[in-house]
PDB file of N, CA and C in Angstrom:
ATOM      1  N   MET A   1     -36.261 224.615  13.137  1.00  0.00           N
ATOM      2  CA  MET A   1     -36.399 225.002  14.521  1.00  0.00           C
ATOM      3  C   MET A   1     -35.376 226.079  14.860  1.00  0.00           C
ATOM      4  N   GLY A   2     -35.809 227.011  15.713  1.00  0.00           N
ATOM      5  CA  GLY A   2     -34.929 228.090  16.134  1.00  0.00           C
ATOM      6  C   GLY A   2     -34.152 227.740  17.390  1.00  0.00           C
ATOM      7  N   ARG A   3     -33.381 228.694  17.845  1.00  0.00           N
ATOM      8  CA  ARG A   3     -32.541 228.471  19.027  1.00  0.00           C
ATOM      9  C   ARG A   3     -33.355 228.357  20.308  1.00  0.00           C
ATOM     10  N   LEU A   4     -34.612 228.819  20.293  1.00  0.00           N
ATOM     11  CA  LEU A   4     -35.447 228.796  21.487  1.00  0.00           C
ATOM     12  C   LEU A   4     -36.411 227.607  21.526  1.00  0.00           C
ATOM     13  N   ALA A   5     -36.325 226.735  20.547  1.00  0.00           N
ATOM     14  CA  ALA A   5     -37.232 225.582  20.491  1.00  0.00           C
ATOM     15  C   ALA A   5     -36.817 224.528  21.509  1.00  0.00           C
ATOM     16  N   ASN A   6     -37.798 223.896  22.123  1.00  0.00           N
ATOM     17  CA  ASN A   6     -37.607 222.758  23.021  1.00  0.00           C
ATOM     18  C   ASN A   6     -36.749 223.046  24.253  1.00  0.00           C
ATOM     19  N   LEU A   7     -36.806 224.276  24.764  1.00  0.00           N
ATOM     20  CA  LEU A   7     -36.097 224.574  26.005  1.00  0.00           C
ATOM     21  C   LEU A   7     -36.943 224.096  27.179  1.00  0.00           C
ATOM     22  N   LYS A   8     -36.290 223.654  28.229  1.00  0.00           N
ATOM     23  CA  LYS A   8     -36.995 223.115  29.393  1.00  0.00           C
ATOM     24  C   LYS A   8     -37.583 224.240  30.240  1.00  0.00           C
ATOM     25  N   ARG A   9     -38.831 224.043  30.633  1.00  0.00           N
ATOM     26  CA  ARG A   9     -39.592 225.049  31.371  1.00  0.00           C
ATOM     27  C   ARG A   9     -38.891 225.480  32.662  1.00  0.00           C
ATOM     28  N   ASP A  10     -38.416 224.528  33.443  1.00  0.00           N
ATOM     29  CA  ASP A  10     -37.764 224.856  34.711  1.00  0.00           C
ATOM     30  C   ASP A  10     -36.493 225.678  34.500  1.00  0.00           C
ATOM     31  N   ARG A  11     -35.768 225.361  33.472  1.00  0.00           N
ATOM     32  CA  ARG A  11     -34.537 226.103  33.179  1.00  0.00           C
ATOM     33  C   ARG A  11     -34.849 227.491  32.638  1.00  0.00           C
ATOM     34  N   ILE A  12     -35.976 227.625  31.941  1.00  0.00           N
ATOM     35  CA  ILE A  12     -36.412 228.944  31.476  1.00  0.00           C
ATOM     36  C   ILE A  12     -36.667 229.848  32.685  1.00  0.00           C
ATOM     37  N   ILE A  13     -37.378 229.321  33.659  1.00  0.00           N
ATOM     38  CA  ILE A  13     -37.693 230.089  34.864  1.00  0.00           C
ATOM     39  C   ILE A  13     -36.408 230.445  35.618  1.00  0.00           C
ATOM     40  N   ARG A  14     -35.478 229.500  35.712  1.00  0.00           N
ATOM     41  CA  ARG A  14     -34.196 229.776  36.375  1.00  0.00           C
ATOM     42  C   ARG A  14     -33.413 230.858  35.647  1.00  0.00           C
ATOM     43  N   ALA A  15     -33.468 230.857  34.318  1.00  0.00           N
ATOM     44  CA  ALA A  15     -32.764 231.888  33.544  1.00  0.00           C
ATOM     45  C   ALA A  15     -33.327 233.265  33.856  1.00  0.00           C
ATOM     46  N   PHE A  16     -34.658 233.380  33.907  1.00  0.00           N
ATOM     47  CA  PHE A  16     -35.252 234.663  34.266  1.00  0.00           C
ATOM     48  C   PHE A  16     -34.894 235.040  35.706  1.00  0.00           C
ATOM     49  N   ALA A  17     -34.830 234.068  36.596  1.00  0.00           N
ATOM     50  CA  ALA A  17     -34.451 234.340  37.985  1.00  0.00           C
ATOM     51  C   ALA A  17     -33.021 234.885  38.050  1.00  0.00           C
ATOM     52  N   ARG A  18     -32.135 234.369  37.236  1.00  0.00           N
ATOM     53  CA  ARG A  18     -30.759 234.872  37.189  1.00  0.00           C
ATOM     54  C   ARG A  18     -30.715 236.323  36.722  1.00  0.00           C
ATOM     55  N   ALA A  19     -31.740 236.727  35.967  1.00  0.00           N
ATOM     56  CA  ALA A  19     -31.826 238.112  35.483  1.00  0.00           C
ATOM     57  C   ALA A  19     -32.557 239.006  36.484  1.00  0.00           C
ATOM     58  N   GLY A  20     -32.886 238.460  37.661  1.00  0.00           N
ATOM     59  CA  GLY A  20     -33.492 239.263  38.709  1.00  0.00           C
ATOM     60  C   GLY A  20     -34.996 239.141  38.868  1.00  0.00           C
ATOM     61  N   TRP A  21     -35.625 238.222  38.146  1.00  0.00           N
ATOM     62  CA  TRP A  21     -37.075 238.036  38.224  1.00  0.00           C
ATOM     63  C   TRP A  21     -37.415 237.090  39.370  1.00  0.00           C
ATOM     64  N   LYS A  22     -38.486 237.380  40.076  1.00  0.00           N
ATOM     65  CA  LYS A  22     -38.969 236.562  41.189  1.00  0.00           C
ATOM     66  C   LYS A  22     -40.143 235.711  40.710  1.00  0.00           C
ATOM     67  N   ALA A  23     -40.101 234.418  40.994  1.00  0.00           N
ATOM     68  CA  ALA A  23     -41.137 233.489  40.531  1.00  0.00           C
ATOM     69  C   ALA A  23     -42.170 233.238  41.623  1.00  0.00           C
ATOM     70  N   GLU A  24     -43.426 233.174  41.199  1.00  0.00           N
ATOM     71  CA  GLU A  24     -44.527 232.803  42.085  1.00  0.00           C
ATOM     72  C   GLU A  24     -45.351 231.747  41.359  1.00  0.00           C
ATOM     73  N   GLU A  25     -45.402 230.556  41.945  1.00  0.00           N
ATOM     74  CA  GLU A  25     -46.118 229.448  41.316  1.00  0.00           C
ATOM     75  C   GLU A  25     -47.624 229.635  41.456  1.00  0.00           C
ATOM     76  N   GLY A  26     -48.314 229.544  40.343  1.00  0.00           N
ATOM     77  CA  GLY A  26     -49.762 229.566  40.340  1.00  0.00           C
ATOM     78  C   GLY A  26     -50.280 228.191  39.971  1.00  0.00           C
ATOM     79  N   ARG A  27     -51.565 228.087  39.837  1.00  0.00           N
ATOM     80  CA  ARG A  27     -52.167 226.798  39.509  1.00  0.00           C
ATOM     81  C   ARG A  27     -51.809 226.341  38.097  1.00  0.00           C
ATOM     82  N   ARG A  28     -51.848 227.268  37.151  1.00  0.00           N
ATOM     83  CA  ARG A  28     -51.586 226.901  35.753  1.00  0.00           C
ATOM     84  C   ARG A  28     -50.364 227.585  35.152  1.00  0.00           C
ATOM     85  N   HIS A  29     -49.871 228.621  35.829  1.00  0.00           N
ATOM     86  CA  HIS A  29     -48.743 229.376  35.311  1.00  0.00           C
ATOM     87  C   HIS A  29     -47.781 229.711  36.443  1.00  0.00           C
ATOM     88  N   THR A  30     -46.555 229.976  36.068  1.00  0.00           N
ATOM     89  CA  THR A  30     -45.596 230.577  36.983  1.00  0.00           C
ATOM     90  C   THR A  30     -45.485 232.029  36.554  1.00  0.00           C
ATOM     91  N   ASN A  31     -45.767 232.942  37.484  1.00  0.00           N
ATOM     92  CA  ASN A  31     -45.706 234.366  37.190  1.00  0.00           C
ATOM     93  C   ASN A  31     -44.399 234.922  37.721  1.00  0.00           C
ATOM     94  N   LEU A  32     -43.734 235.693  36.870  1.00  0.00           N
ATOM     95  CA  LEU A  32     -42.452 236.277  37.229  1.00  0.00           C
ATOM     96  C   LEU A  32     -42.590 237.793  37.266  1.00  0.00           C
ATOM     97  N   THR A  33     -42.092 238.405  38.328  1.00  0.00           N
ATOM     98  CA  THR A  33     -42.125 239.855  38.469  1.00  0.00           C
ATOM     99  C   THR A  33     -40.729 240.359  38.791  1.00  0.00           C
ATOM    100  N   LYS A  34     -40.501 241.636  38.455  1.00  0.00           N
ATOM    101  CA  LYS A  34     -39.210 242.251  38.731  1.00  0.00           C
ATOM    102  C   LYS A  34     -39.448 243.703  39.084  1.00  0.00           C
ATOM    103  N   GLU A  35     -38.878 244.120  40.187  1.00  0.00           N
ATOM    104  CA  GLU A  35     -39.008 245.502  40.605  1.00  0.00           C
ATOM    105  C   GLU A  35     -38.437 246.417  39.516  1.00  0.00           C
ATOM    106  N   GLY A  36     -39.210 247.439  39.185  1.00  0.00           N
ATOM    107  CA  GLY A  36     -38.787 248.370  38.149  1.00  0.00           C
ATOM    108  C   GLY A  36     -39.265 247.999  36.758  1.00  0.00           C
ATOM    109  N   ASN A  37     -39.824 246.809  36.597  1.00  0.00           N
ATOM    110  CA  ASN A  37     -40.364 246.384  35.308  1.00  0.00           C
ATOM    111  C   ASN A  37     -41.882 246.252  35.459  1.00  0.00           C
ATOM    112  N   PRO A  38     -42.664 246.925  34.610  1.00  0.00           N
ATOM    113  CA  PRO A  38     -44.118 246.915  34.780  1.00  0.00           C
ATOM    114  C   PRO A  38     -44.808 245.622  34.345  1.00  0.00           C
ATOM    115  N   TYR A  39     -44.088 244.702  33.731  1.00  0.00           N
ATOM    116  CA  TYR A  39     -44.706 243.505  33.177  1.00  0.00           C
ATOM    117  C   TYR A  39     -44.678 242.330  34.149  1.00  0.00           C
ATOM    118  N   ILE A  40     -45.631 241.437  33.981  1.00  0.00           N
ATOM    119  CA  ILE A  40     -45.642 240.139  34.664  1.00  0.00           C
ATOM    120  C   ILE A  40     -45.448 239.097  33.572  1.00  0.00           C
ATOM    121  N   LEU A  41     -44.393 238.310  33.692  1.00  0.00           N
ATOM    122  CA  LEU A  41     -44.136 237.252  32.718  1.00  0.00           C
ATOM    123  C   LEU A  41     -44.859 236.003  33.194  1.00  0.00           C
ATOM    124  N   SER A  42     -45.683 235.435  32.354  1.00  0.00           N
ATOM    125  CA  SER A  42     -46.482 234.274  32.724  1.00  0.00           C
ATOM    126  C   SER A  42     -46.055 233.067  31.891  1.00  0.00           C
ATOM    127  N   VAL A  43     -45.455 232.089  32.570  1.00  0.00           N
ATOM    128  CA  VAL A  43     -44.950 230.888  31.900  1.00  0.00           C
ATOM    129  C   VAL A  43     -45.908 229.739  32.193  1.00  0.00           C
ATOM    130  N   PRO A  44     -46.516 229.120  31.169  1.00  0.00           N
ATOM    131  CA  PRO A  44     -47.477 228.043  31.407  1.00  0.00           C
ATOM    132  C   PRO A  44     -46.825 226.815  32.041  1.00  0.00           C
ATOM    133  N   ARG A  45     -47.565 226.166  32.933  1.00  0.00           N
ATOM    134  CA  ARG A  45     -47.082 224.958  33.604  1.00  0.00           C
ATOM    135  C   ARG A  45     -47.572 223.690  32.920  1.00  0.00           C
ATOM    136  N   HIS A  46     -48.579 223.779  32.088  1.00  0.00           N
ATOM    137  CA  HIS A  46     -49.255 222.600  31.577  1.00  0.00           C
ATOM    138  C   HIS A  46     -48.755 222.112  30.225  1.00  0.00           C
ATOM    139  N   ARG A  47     -47.817 222.808  29.618  1.00  0.00           N
ATOM    140  CA  ARG A  47     -47.294 222.360  28.329  1.00  0.00           C
ATOM    141  C   ARG A  47     -45.924 222.983  28.099  1.00  0.00           C
ATOM    142  N   LYS A  48     -45.292 222.592  27.021  1.00  0.00           N
ATOM    143  CA  LYS A  48     -44.016 223.190  26.674  1.00  0.00           C
ATOM    144  C   LYS A  48     -44.227 224.660  26.313  1.00  0.00           C
ATOM    145  N   VAL A  49     -43.199 225.440  26.544  1.00  0.00           N
ATOM    146  CA  VAL A  49     -43.263 226.858  26.205  1.00  0.00           C
ATOM    147  C   VAL A  49     -42.929 226.994  24.726  1.00  0.00           C
ATOM    148  N   LYS A  50     -43.872 227.523  23.972  1.00  0.00           N
ATOM    149  CA  LYS A  50     -43.663 227.669  22.538  1.00  0.00           C
ATOM    150  C   LYS A  50     -42.646 228.774  22.254  1.00  0.00           C
ATOM    151  N   GLU A  51     -41.942 228.623  21.164  1.00  0.00           N
ATOM    152  CA  GLU A  51     -40.863 229.540  20.799  1.00  0.00           C
ATOM    153  C   GLU A  51     -41.366 230.980  20.670  1.00  0.00           C
ATOM    154  N   LYS A  52     -42.533 231.162  20.074  1.00  0.00           N
ATOM    155  CA  LYS A  52     -43.074 232.509  19.883  1.00  0.00           C
ATOM    156  C   LYS A  52     -43.381 233.169  21.229  1.00  0.00           C
ATOM    157  N   LEU A  53     -43.960 232.419  22.161  1.00  0.00           N
ATOM    158  CA  LEU A  53     -44.246 232.951  23.491  1.00  0.00           C
ATOM    159  C   LEU A  53     -42.951 233.305  24.212  1.00  0.00           C
ATOM    160  N   LEU A  54     -41.971 232.424  24.159  1.00  0.00           N
ATOM    161  CA  LEU A  54     -40.710 232.671  24.837  1.00  0.00           C
ATOM    162  C   LEU A  54     -40.024 233.918  24.265  1.00  0.00           C
ATOM    163  N   THR A  55     -40.064 234.097  22.961  1.00  0.00           N
ATOM    164  CA  THR A  55     -39.498 235.290  22.333  1.00  0.00           C
ATOM    165  C   THR A  55     -40.170 236.542  22.882  1.00  0.00           C
ATOM    166  N   HIS A  56     -41.484 236.492  23.019  1.00  0.00           N
ATOM    167  CA  HIS A  56     -42.242 237.626  23.557  1.00  0.00           C
ATOM    168  C   HIS A  56     -41.854 237.899  25.009  1.00  0.00           C
ATOM    169  N   LEU A  57     -41.744 236.864  25.828  1.00  0.00           N
ATOM    170  CA  LEU A  57     -41.368 237.030  27.234  1.00  0.00           C
ATOM    171  C   LEU A  57     -39.968 237.619  27.373  1.00  0.00           C
ATOM    172  N   ILE A  58     -39.059 237.179  26.536  1.00  0.00           N
ATOM    173  CA  ILE A  58     -37.686 237.702  26.555  1.00  0.00           C
ATOM    174  C   ILE A  58     -37.693 239.194  26.244  1.00  0.00           C
ATOM    175  N   LYS A  59     -38.481 239.579  25.259  1.00  0.00           N
ATOM    176  CA  LYS A  59     -38.585 240.994  24.887  1.00  0.00           C
ATOM    177  C   LYS A  59     -39.163 241.814  26.036  1.00  0.00           C
ATOM    178  N   LEU A  60     -40.237 241.321  26.670  1.00  0.00           N
ATOM    179  CA  LEU A  60     -40.838 242.031  27.798  1.00  0.00           C
ATOM    180  C   LEU A  60     -39.862 242.162  28.964  1.00  0.00           C
ATOM    181  N   ALA A  61     -38.992 241.175  29.117  1.00  0.00           N
ATOM    182  CA  ALA A  61     -38.012 241.187  30.201  1.00  0.00           C
ATOM    183  C   ALA A  61     -36.870 242.164  29.928  1.00  0.00           C
ATOM    184  N   GLY A  62     -36.825 242.704  28.721  1.00  0.00           N
ATOM    185  CA  GLY A  62     -35.771 243.652  28.378  1.00  0.00           C
ATOM    186  C   GLY A  62     -34.459 242.983  28.029  1.00  0.00           C
ATOM    187  N   LEU A  63     -34.534 241.730  27.599  1.00  0.00           N
ATOM    188  CA  LEU A  63     -33.347 240.960  27.244  1.00  0.00           C
ATOM    189  C   LEU A  63     -33.309 240.717  25.736  1.00  0.00           C
ATOM    190  N   THR A  64     -32.129 240.406  25.236  1.00  0.00           N
ATOM    191  CA  THR A  64     -32.016 239.900  23.872  1.00  0.00           C
ATOM    192  C   THR A  64     -32.039 238.377  23.949  1.00  0.00           C
ATOM    193  N   VAL A  65     -32.245 237.733  22.829  1.00  0.00           N
ATOM    194  CA  VAL A  65     -32.232 236.260  22.794  1.00  0.00           C
ATOM    195  C   VAL A  65     -30.861 235.752  23.237  1.00  0.00           C
ATOM    196  N   ASP A  66     -29.795 236.391  22.771  1.00  0.00           N
ATOM    197  CA  ASP A  66     -28.449 235.962  23.157  1.00  0.00           C
ATOM    198  C   ASP A  66     -28.220 236.102  24.661  1.00  0.00           C
ATOM    199  N   GLU A  67     -28.679 237.213  25.251  1.00  0.00           N
ATOM    200  CA  GLU A  67     -28.546 237.393  26.694  1.00  0.00           C
ATOM    201  C   GLU A  67     -29.319 236.315  27.449  1.00  0.00           C
ATOM    202  N   PHE A  68     -30.529 236.032  26.976  1.00  0.00           N
ATOM    203  CA  PHE A  68     -31.331 234.997  27.627  1.00  0.00           C
ATOM    204  C   PHE A  68     -30.653 233.640  27.546  1.00  0.00           C
ATOM    205  N   LEU A  69     -30.151 233.279  26.380  1.00  0.00           N
ATOM    206  CA  LEU A  69     -29.506 231.982  26.213  1.00  0.00           C
ATOM    207  C   LEU A  69     -28.250 231.872  27.070  1.00  0.00           C
ATOM    208  N   GLU A  70     -27.549 232.970  27.283  1.00  0.00           N
ATOM    209  CA  GLU A  70     -26.400 232.948  28.178  1.00  0.00           C
ATOM    210  C   GLU A  70     -26.842 232.652  29.617  1.00  0.00           C
ATOM    211  N   LEU A  71     -27.973 233.219  30.032  1.00  0.00           N
ATOM    212  CA  LEU A  71     -28.527 232.953  31.366  1.00  0.00           C
ATOM    213  C   LEU A  71     -29.074 231.524  31.459  1.00  0.00           C
ATOM    214  N   TYR A  72     -29.587 231.005  30.353  1.00  0.00           N
ATOM    215  CA  TYR A  72     -30.175 229.662  30.315  1.00  0.00           C
ATOM    216  C   TYR A  72     -29.098 228.590  30.512  1.00  0.00           C
ATOM    217  N   HIS A  73     -27.939 228.794  29.914  1.00  0.00           N
ATOM    218  CA  HIS A  73     -26.869 227.773  29.946  1.00  0.00           C
ATOM    219  C   HIS A  73     -25.963 227.956  31.080  1.00  0.00           C
TER     220      HIS A  73
END
């Protein structure tokens, strides 16, 4: 397992919020947007966030894994 395995969904969203992302709860996903960033990060609500998906979201957010983990903790 990698460093991003088994992270809690709510804390993932809070970490992105600390990086300036705004959360909007949807029916099945929480969508995160940030002014100046063209991407919408979509975090599923119905299951754990898989490591591969989280790695992709971190990259789209313009963060490194280490930067994200610092925001997570």
